[in-house]
Amino acid sequence: MATIPVELTEEQFNTHIKPHLSTAKRGYESKRPLFQIFNLVLHNLHTGSQWEETPVPHDAAGRPLMSWQVPRYHFYKWSKDGSFERLFQAGVLKIKYELNLSILNFDG
């Protein structure tokens, strides 16, 4: 049985995820790569932890490379603009022939 990924490589992100997410067309663009931000969003969704507890990466001097507010901002932006909906639909279309709907239980 396949598991839900909680971390993606940059190649996986660029191939499967990035085409469905909205990115900055003009104005401010994050200094951190989007795949790192997306991995932090995945971590919070997987663990259910508070945004303030996001394990942001640190540099050699121990300073955080970004605020915990960066993944939170992108999560809310992608939620509001339909990026996650597009991502979900693309994922379902990719595996639609592997889905076995006969084992689903619906409570009515």
Protein backbone atom coordinates (compact mmCIF):
# COMPACT_ATOMS: atom_id res chain seq x y z
CA MET A 1 0.00 0.00 0.00
CA ALA A 2 1.36 3.41 -0.94
CA THR A 3 1.94 6.00 1.74
CA ILE A 4 1.43 9.72 1.61
CA PRO A 5 4.77 11.47 1.05
CA VAL A 6 5.91 13.84 3.77
CA GLU A 7 8.98 15.12 1.92
CA LEU A 8 9.71 15.58 -1.77
CA THR A 9 12.92 16.05 -3.67
CA GLU A 10 13.33 19.13 -5.84
CA GLU A 11 12.94 17.01 -8.97
CA GLN A 12 9.71 15.40 -7.71
CA PHE A 13 8.36 18.81 -6.72
CA ASN A 14 9.19 20.40 -10.10
CA THR A 15 7.69 17.48 -12.03
CA HIS A 16 4.49 16.76 -10.12
CA ILE A 17 3.62 19.66 -7.82
CA LYS A 18 4.91 23.00 -9.13
CA PRO A 19 2.82 23.06 -12.34
CA HIS A 20 -0.35 23.14 -10.20
CA LEU A 21 0.71 25.77 -7.64
CA SER A 22 0.42 29.50 -8.12
CA THR A 23 3.75 31.31 -8.04
CA ALA A 24 4.73 34.97 -7.96
CA LYS A 25 4.30 36.55 -11.39
CA ARG A 26 5.68 39.89 -10.23
CA GLY A 27 6.63 41.46 -6.95
CA TYR A 28 8.19 39.64 -4.00
CA GLU A 29 9.38 36.10 -4.51
CA SER A 30 10.59 34.01 -1.60
CA LYS A 31 14.35 33.64 -1.20
CA ARG A 32 13.88 30.00 -0.21
CA PRO A 33 13.11 27.43 -2.93
CA LEU A 34 9.42 26.57 -3.19
CA PHE A 35 10.09 22.85 -2.77
CA GLN A 36 11.52 23.51 0.71
CA ILE A 37 8.49 25.62 1.62
CA PHE A 38 6.16 22.92 0.29
CA ASN A 39 7.99 20.27 2.36
CA LEU A 40 7.40 22.37 5.49
CA VAL A 41 3.70 22.64 4.61
CA LEU A 42 3.60 18.84 4.16
CA HIS A 43 5.29 18.41 7.54
CA ASN A 44 2.67 20.52 9.30
CA LEU A 45 -0.19 18.76 7.53
CA HIS A 46 1.28 15.37 8.44
CA THR A 47 2.04 16.13 12.09
CA GLY A 48 -0.82 18.53 12.81
CA SER A 49 1.56 20.78 14.72
CA GLN A 50 1.15 24.50 15.26
CA TRP A 51 2.64 26.75 12.60
CA GLU A 52 4.90 28.31 15.23
CA GLU A 53 6.44 24.85 15.78
CA THR A 54 7.44 24.42 12.13
CA PRO A 55 11.00 23.02 11.98
CA VAL A 56 12.51 25.70 9.72
CA PRO A 57 16.08 25.09 8.50
CA HIS A 58 18.98 26.97 10.11
CA ASP A 59 22.28 28.23 8.69
CA ALA A 60 25.72 27.31 10.02
CA ALA A 61 25.51 30.06 12.67
CA GLY A 62 22.22 28.67 13.98
CA ARG A 63 20.02 31.47 12.58
CA PRO A 64 16.75 30.40 10.92
CA LEU A 65 16.78 30.68 7.13
CA MET A 66 13.11 31.69 7.12
CA SER A 67 10.32 32.46 9.52
CA TRP A 68 7.62 29.92 10.34
CA GLN A 69 5.27 32.47 8.72
CA VAL A 70 6.64 31.72 5.23
CA PRO A 71 5.14 28.20 4.93
CA ARG A 72 1.96 29.39 6.65
CA TYR A 73 1.60 32.24 4.14
CA HIS A 74 2.06 29.89 1.18
CA PHE A 75 -0.35 27.33 2.66
CA TYR A 76 -3.11 29.93 3.01
CA LYS A 77 -2.36 31.43 -0.41
CA TRP A 78 -2.45 28.03 -2.14
CA SER A 79 -5.59 27.05 -0.23
CA LYS A 80 -7.42 30.23 -1.18
CA ASP A 81 -6.45 30.39 -4.87
CA GLY A 82 -7.37 26.76 -5.64
CA SER A 83 -3.83 25.43 -6.07
CA PHE A 84 -4.41 22.51 -3.70
CA GLU A 85 -7.69 21.67 -5.47
CA ARG A 86 -5.87 21.56 -8.84
CA LEU A 87 -3.14 19.43 -7.29
CA PHE A 88 -5.68 16.99 -5.85
CA GLN A 89 -7.57 16.70 -9.14
CA ALA A 90 -4.35 16.10 -11.08
CA GLY A 91 -3.37 13.37 -8.61
CA VAL A 92 -6.73 11.65 -8.90
CA LEU A 93 -6.59 11.78 -12.71
CA LYS A 94 -3.12 10.24 -12.63
CA ILE A 95 -4.23 7.21 -10.56
CA LYS A 96 -7.89 6.94 -11.63
CA TYR A 97 -7.39 3.50 -13.19
CA GLU A 98 -5.80 2.18 -9.99
CA LEU A 99 -8.66 3.27 -7.72
CA ASN A 100 -10.89 0.47 -6.48
CA LEU A 101 -14.17 2.17 -5.60
CA SER A 102 -15.84 -1.13 -4.66
CA ILE A 103 -14.13 -1.11 -1.25
CA LEU A 104 -15.34 2.35 -0.21
CA ASN A 105 -17.82 2.62 2.65
CA PHE A 106 -20.09 5.61 2.73
CA ASP A 107 -22.01 6.58 5.83
CA GLY A 108 -25.24 8.10 5.00
